[in-house]
Amino acid sequence: MPKGAEDLPGEILESATGLLVDLCTMSSASGDHEGIRQVASRVAAELARRGLSAEVGTESDEDNKPQPVLIACGPKAGEHYLLLVGHMDTVLDAAPPRIEYDRLIATGPLDMKGGLAM
């Protein structure tokens, strides 16, 4: 079990782990726009379940190629806004994820799909 996981309520740990495995199942290698869009759509759906307005759009990169972009908005946090920035691509195509000895072996679980799941 990951360090600190024993302190999480079971349903939070189970939900986050399920989402992470789900995201790691999706192949989203760099340049795979449809795979990246699939990850963005899955994360957008999860954010929407938590009350944020989330949509997947398209922006051009420096080579003027269309790239999927996830934008989510929620209520203001007091007088401040919160900005999270991340990426949804992995260098490699997805390998089937598996859990061994309470560890997830997959493509992208730390960079960056784990951050998206959290």
Protein backbone atom coordinates (compact mmCIF):
# COMPACT_ATOMS: atom_id res chain seq x y z
CA MET A 1 0.00 0.00 0.00
CA PRO A 2 1.44 3.44 -0.88
CA LYS A 3 2.77 5.47 2.06
CA GLY A 4 -0.09 7.39 3.68
CA ALA A 5 -2.79 5.35 1.90
CA GLU A 6 -3.78 3.71 5.18
CA ASP A 7 -4.95 7.15 6.39
CA LEU A 8 -7.41 7.63 3.52
CA PRO A 9 -11.04 6.59 3.88
CA GLY A 10 -11.54 3.38 1.89
CA GLU A 11 -13.96 4.83 -0.64
CA ILE A 12 -11.59 7.72 -1.52
CA LEU A 13 -8.65 5.36 -2.03
CA GLU A 14 -10.79 2.94 -4.04
CA SER A 15 -12.25 5.71 -6.20
CA ALA A 16 -8.88 7.34 -6.91
CA THR A 17 -7.25 3.99 -7.66
CA GLY A 18 -10.11 3.05 -10.01
CA LEU A 19 -9.84 6.36 -11.85
CA LEU A 20 -6.06 6.02 -12.14
CA VAL A 21 -6.30 2.48 -13.52
CA ASP A 22 -8.96 3.72 -15.94
CA LEU A 23 -6.73 6.56 -17.15
CA CYS A 24 -3.71 4.26 -17.48
CA THR A 25 -5.76 1.85 -19.59
CA MET A 26 -6.25 4.64 -22.16
CA SER A 27 -3.39 4.92 -24.61
CA SER A 28 -2.45 8.59 -24.96
CA ALA A 29 1.05 8.60 -26.38
CA SER A 30 2.46 11.93 -27.49
CA GLY A 31 0.90 12.79 -30.85
CA ASP A 32 -2.09 10.47 -30.34
CA HIS A 33 -4.70 13.25 -30.37
CA GLU A 34 -7.69 10.90 -30.10
CA GLY A 35 -6.16 9.06 -27.15
CA ILE A 36 -5.36 12.34 -25.41
CA ARG A 37 -8.92 13.54 -26.10
CA GLN A 38 -10.24 10.31 -24.54
CA VAL A 39 -8.23 10.96 -21.36
CA ALA A 40 -9.37 14.60 -21.32
CA SER A 41 -13.01 13.53 -21.69
CA ARG A 42 -12.71 11.01 -18.85
CA VAL A 43 -11.14 13.61 -16.54
CA ALA A 44 -13.77 16.20 -17.60
CA ALA A 45 -16.55 13.76 -16.69
CA GLU A 46 -14.98 13.16 -13.28
CA LEU A 47 -14.63 16.90 -12.63
CA ALA A 48 -18.24 17.47 -13.69
CA ARG A 49 -19.35 14.83 -11.16
CA ARG A 50 -17.71 17.02 -8.54
CA GLY A 51 -19.51 20.20 -9.57
CA LEU A 52 -17.04 21.81 -11.92
CA SER A 53 -17.90 23.00 -15.39
CA ALA A 54 -15.54 21.04 -17.64
CA GLU A 55 -15.16 20.89 -21.39
CA VAL A 56 -12.69 19.48 -23.88
CA GLY A 57 -11.73 21.92 -26.61
CA THR A 58 -9.03 22.22 -29.23
CA GLU A 59 -6.08 24.62 -29.38
CA SER A 60 -3.27 24.82 -31.92
CA ASP A 61 0.25 23.98 -30.82
CA GLU A 62 3.41 25.79 -31.95
CA ASP A 63 3.29 23.83 -35.24
CA ASN A 64 -0.34 24.89 -35.75
CA LYS A 65 -1.55 21.32 -35.18
CA PRO A 66 -4.80 20.91 -33.23
CA GLN A 67 -4.38 19.58 -29.68
CA PRO A 68 -7.07 18.57 -27.18
CA VAL A 69 -7.29 20.90 -24.18
CA LEU A 70 -9.31 20.38 -20.99
CA ILE A 71 -10.65 23.49 -19.29
CA ALA A 72 -12.56 23.24 -16.02
CA CYS A 73 -14.01 26.02 -13.93
CA GLY A 74 -15.52 26.02 -10.49
CA PRO A 75 -16.52 28.54 -7.89
CA LYS A 76 -14.02 31.13 -6.75
CA ALA A 77 -12.09 30.10 -3.65
CA GLY A 78 -12.61 33.19 -1.52
CA GLU A 79 -10.73 36.04 -3.13
CA HIS A 80 -8.38 33.72 -5.02
CA TYR A 81 -8.43 31.43 -8.00
CA LEU A 82 -6.75 28.05 -8.24
CA LEU A 83 -4.91 27.07 -11.44
CA LEU A 84 -3.85 23.50 -12.10
CA VAL A 85 -1.70 22.76 -15.12
CA GLY A 86 -0.80 19.31 -16.38
CA HIS A 87 -0.58 17.14 -19.46
CA MET A 88 -2.51 14.07 -20.58
CA ASP A 89 -0.01 12.44 -22.91
CA THR A 90 2.52 9.77 -22.14
CA VAL A 91 5.64 9.03 -24.16
CA LEU A 92 4.66 5.41 -24.79
CA ASP A 93 1.48 3.65 -25.81
CA ALA A 94 -0.44 2.22 -22.87
CA ALA A 95 0.52 -1.22 -21.61
CA PRO A 96 -2.22 -3.15 -19.81
CA PRO A 97 -2.11 -1.90 -16.20
CA ARG A 98 -1.72 -4.40 -13.39
CA ILE A 99 -1.45 -4.21 -9.63
CA GLU A 100 1.39 -6.16 -8.02
CA TYR A 101 1.93 -6.09 -4.27
CA ASP A 102 -0.31 -2.99 -3.94
CA ARG A 103 1.65 -1.15 -6.66
CA LEU A 104 0.24 -0.07 -9.99
CA ILE A 105 2.44 -1.06 -12.91
CA ALA A 106 1.26 0.93 -15.94
CA THR A 107 2.08 3.63 -18.48
CA GLY A 108 1.87 7.12 -17.01
CA PRO A 109 0.71 6.50 -13.42
CA LEU A 110 3.10 9.09 -11.97
CA ASP A 111 3.63 11.41 -14.92
CA MET A 112 0.98 12.66 -15.15
CA LYS A 113 -2.10 10.49 -14.87
CA GLY A 114 -1.63 10.10 -11.11
CA GLY A 115 -1.75 13.87 -10.76
CA LEU A 116 -4.91 14.03 -12.84
CA ALA A 117 -6.58 11.34 -10.75
CA MET A 118 -5.75 13.14 -7.52
